[in-house]
Amino acid sequence: MPEKFEGEEKPRNFSEEEVRRAQDLIRKVREIVGWDLGAFCSTSEEVEMVHKAKDAIKNVEDLFHVPKTKFWATFPGKNMDESMRQTDEYNKKTLPSEAIVLSPIDLAKLGANLDAIDEVVGWDIGASDETEITMLREARESLEALKKIL
């Protein structure tokens, strides 16, 4: 948590290493929030929670300058496997990260966004195979680790 001085919170500095770690954790959470979570909703309130979580992950990505996911597409004359491989390499590539400073207002927004994401990631989502179960577990663990960093 940010330190307090003279009645106000001090901005929080994140080193390059902390930003890189946060970006990795955010990517793991993003994978789950990007699922079609609306399929698990039975009320309009739950659908609203999903929309808030999707908006929240975008806000968190923006604060930590997380590169957007690139989706693959095939074009005439391009091999589909090669397109998918290049896209996968792009999405896993670690881009240079730089130290950032978050103001107390940014930190408050970040906390609210993480809470919105936590509401949805904590659901009992019916994962259908071992890969999905692993992704879900990693996302939950990553979200908890992200909260500890902040």
Protein backbone atom coordinates (compact mmCIF):
# COMPACT_ATOMS: atom_id res chain seq x y z
CA MET A 1 0.00 0.00 0.00
CA PRO A 2 1.15 3.56 -0.59
CA GLU A 3 2.84 5.35 2.26
CA LYS A 4 1.09 8.28 3.89
CA PHE A 5 2.73 11.62 4.48
CA GLU A 6 1.22 14.80 5.82
CA GLY A 7 -2.28 13.36 5.63
CA GLU A 8 -2.04 12.29 2.00
CA GLU A 9 -0.93 9.14 0.27
CA LYS A 10 2.35 9.19 -1.58
CA PRO A 11 2.50 8.04 -5.24
CA ARG A 12 3.68 4.44 -5.67
CA ASN A 13 6.79 3.79 -7.77
CA PHE A 14 7.08 0.49 -9.65
CA SER A 15 10.51 -0.59 -10.88
CA GLU A 16 11.01 -2.11 -14.32
CA GLU A 17 11.15 -5.56 -12.73
CA GLU A 18 7.92 -4.97 -10.78
CA VAL A 19 6.19 -3.73 -13.94
CA ARG A 20 7.39 -6.77 -15.91
CA ARG A 21 6.14 -9.11 -13.15
CA ALA A 22 2.79 -7.28 -13.00
CA GLN A 23 2.44 -7.49 -16.79
CA ASP A 24 2.99 -11.27 -16.71
CA LEU A 25 0.39 -11.69 -13.98
CA ILE A 26 -2.09 -9.42 -15.79
CA ARG A 27 -1.73 -11.49 -18.98
CA LYS A 28 -2.66 -14.68 -17.10
CA VAL A 29 -5.73 -13.03 -15.59
CA ARG A 30 -6.67 -11.53 -18.98
CA GLU A 31 -6.86 -15.02 -20.52
CA ILE A 32 -9.70 -15.98 -18.19
CA VAL A 33 -11.53 -12.65 -18.24
CA GLY A 34 -11.46 -12.91 -22.04
CA TRP A 35 -13.49 -16.13 -21.99
CA ASP A 36 -17.19 -16.04 -22.80
CA LEU A 37 -18.11 -15.71 -19.14
CA GLY A 38 -21.63 -14.61 -20.06
CA ALA A 39 -22.42 -18.27 -20.72
CA PHE A 40 -22.11 -18.87 -16.97
CA CYS A 41 -24.50 -16.04 -16.06
CA SER A 42 -28.07 -16.62 -14.96
CA THR A 43 -29.01 -13.06 -13.99
CA SER A 44 -28.57 -9.60 -15.45
CA GLU A 45 -26.50 -8.68 -12.37
CA GLU A 46 -24.00 -11.41 -13.22
CA VAL A 47 -23.83 -10.22 -16.83
CA GLU A 48 -23.11 -6.71 -15.53
CA MET A 49 -20.34 -8.13 -13.33
CA VAL A 50 -18.76 -9.74 -16.39
CA HIS A 51 -18.88 -6.44 -18.30
CA LYS A 52 -17.29 -4.63 -15.35
CA ALA A 53 -14.53 -7.24 -15.13
CA LYS A 54 -13.79 -6.96 -18.86
CA ASP A 55 -13.60 -3.16 -18.57
CA ALA A 56 -11.51 -3.48 -15.41
CA ILE A 57 -8.87 -5.72 -17.01
CA LYS A 58 -8.50 -3.18 -19.84
CA ASN A 59 -7.99 -0.41 -17.28
CA VAL A 60 -5.38 -2.45 -15.40
CA GLU A 61 -3.59 -3.24 -18.68
CA ASP A 62 -3.51 0.46 -19.52
CA LEU A 63 -2.04 1.42 -16.13
CA PHE A 64 0.79 -1.09 -16.54
CA HIS A 65 1.25 -0.60 -20.31
CA VAL A 66 0.49 -4.25 -21.12
CA PRO A 67 0.64 -4.84 -24.88
CA LYS A 68 -2.71 -5.77 -26.36
CA THR A 69 -3.24 -9.34 -27.47
CA LYS A 70 -2.80 -9.84 -31.18
CA PHE A 71 -5.31 -12.15 -32.83
CA TRP A 72 -4.21 -14.18 -35.80
CA ALA A 73 -5.75 -14.05 -39.22
CA THR A 74 -4.88 -15.78 -42.44
CA PHE A 75 -4.50 -13.99 -45.68
CA PRO A 76 -4.34 -15.29 -49.25
CA GLY A 77 -0.92 -16.79 -49.80
CA LYS A 78 -0.18 -17.17 -46.07
CA ASN A 79 0.05 -20.48 -44.28
CA MET A 80 -2.42 -20.70 -41.35
CA ASP A 81 0.03 -22.58 -39.10
CA GLU A 82 2.72 -19.97 -39.72
CA SER A 83 0.27 -17.13 -38.98
CA MET A 84 -0.73 -18.78 -35.71
CA ARG A 85 2.90 -19.39 -34.74
CA GLN A 86 3.88 -15.76 -35.40
CA THR A 87 0.89 -14.49 -33.44
CA ASP A 88 1.68 -16.79 -30.51
CA GLU A 89 5.30 -15.57 -30.50
CA TYR A 90 4.10 -11.95 -30.48
CA ASN A 91 1.72 -12.53 -27.57
CA LYS A 92 4.39 -14.26 -25.46
CA LYS A 93 7.17 -11.83 -26.29
CA THR A 94 8.28 -9.70 -23.38
CA LEU A 95 8.36 -6.14 -24.51
CA PRO A 96 10.63 -3.65 -22.79
CA SER A 97 9.00 -2.43 -19.62
CA GLU A 98 9.73 0.83 -17.93
CA ALA A 99 9.35 2.01 -14.38
CA ILE A 100 6.03 3.72 -13.71
CA VAL A 101 4.58 5.90 -10.98
CA LEU A 102 0.93 5.55 -10.00
CA SER A 103 -0.79 8.40 -8.23
CA PRO A 104 -3.05 7.76 -5.22
CA ILE A 105 -6.05 8.20 -7.55
CA ASP A 106 -4.61 5.59 -9.95
CA LEU A 107 -4.00 3.24 -7.02
CA ALA A 108 -7.60 3.62 -5.84
CA LYS A 109 -8.87 2.89 -9.37
CA LEU A 110 -6.52 -0.08 -9.58
CA GLY A 111 -7.90 -1.49 -6.33
CA ALA A 112 -11.49 -1.10 -7.54
CA ASN A 113 -10.62 -2.73 -10.87
CA LEU A 114 -8.93 -5.69 -9.18
CA ASP A 115 -11.99 -6.15 -6.96
CA ALA A 116 -14.26 -6.19 -10.04
CA ILE A 117 -12.03 -8.79 -11.69
CA ASP A 118 -11.86 -10.86 -8.50
CA GLU A 119 -15.65 -11.08 -8.33
CA VAL A 120 -15.73 -12.88 -11.68
CA VAL A 121 -12.49 -14.88 -11.57
CA GLY A 122 -13.60 -16.33 -8.24
CA TRP A 123 -16.72 -17.90 -9.75
CA ASP A 124 -17.08 -21.66 -9.92
CA ILE A 125 -16.60 -21.80 -13.68
CA GLY A 126 -17.17 -25.20 -15.25
CA ALA A 127 -13.82 -25.81 -16.93
CA SER A 128 -14.09 -28.68 -19.39
CA ASP A 129 -10.53 -29.96 -19.63
CA GLU A 130 -7.22 -29.99 -17.80
CA THR A 131 -5.86 -27.02 -19.77
CA GLU A 132 -8.81 -24.81 -18.82
CA ILE A 133 -8.61 -25.92 -15.19
CA THR A 134 -4.91 -25.05 -15.14
CA MET A 135 -5.53 -21.66 -16.77
CA LEU A 136 -8.26 -20.87 -14.26
CA ARG A 137 -6.08 -21.85 -11.31
CA GLU A 138 -3.15 -19.80 -12.66
CA ALA A 139 -5.40 -16.78 -13.19
CA ARG A 140 -6.67 -16.95 -9.61
CA GLU A 141 -3.14 -17.34 -8.26
CA SER A 142 -1.90 -14.51 -10.49
CA LEU A 143 -4.66 -12.19 -9.31
CA GLU A 144 -3.74 -12.88 -5.67
CA ALA A 145 -0.04 -12.32 -6.44
CA LEU A 146 -0.90 -9.09 -8.25
CA LYS A 147 -2.82 -7.83 -5.23
CA LYS A 148 0.22 -8.55 -3.03
CA ILE A 149 2.55 -6.63 -5.33
CA LEU A 150 0.30 -3.62 -5.15
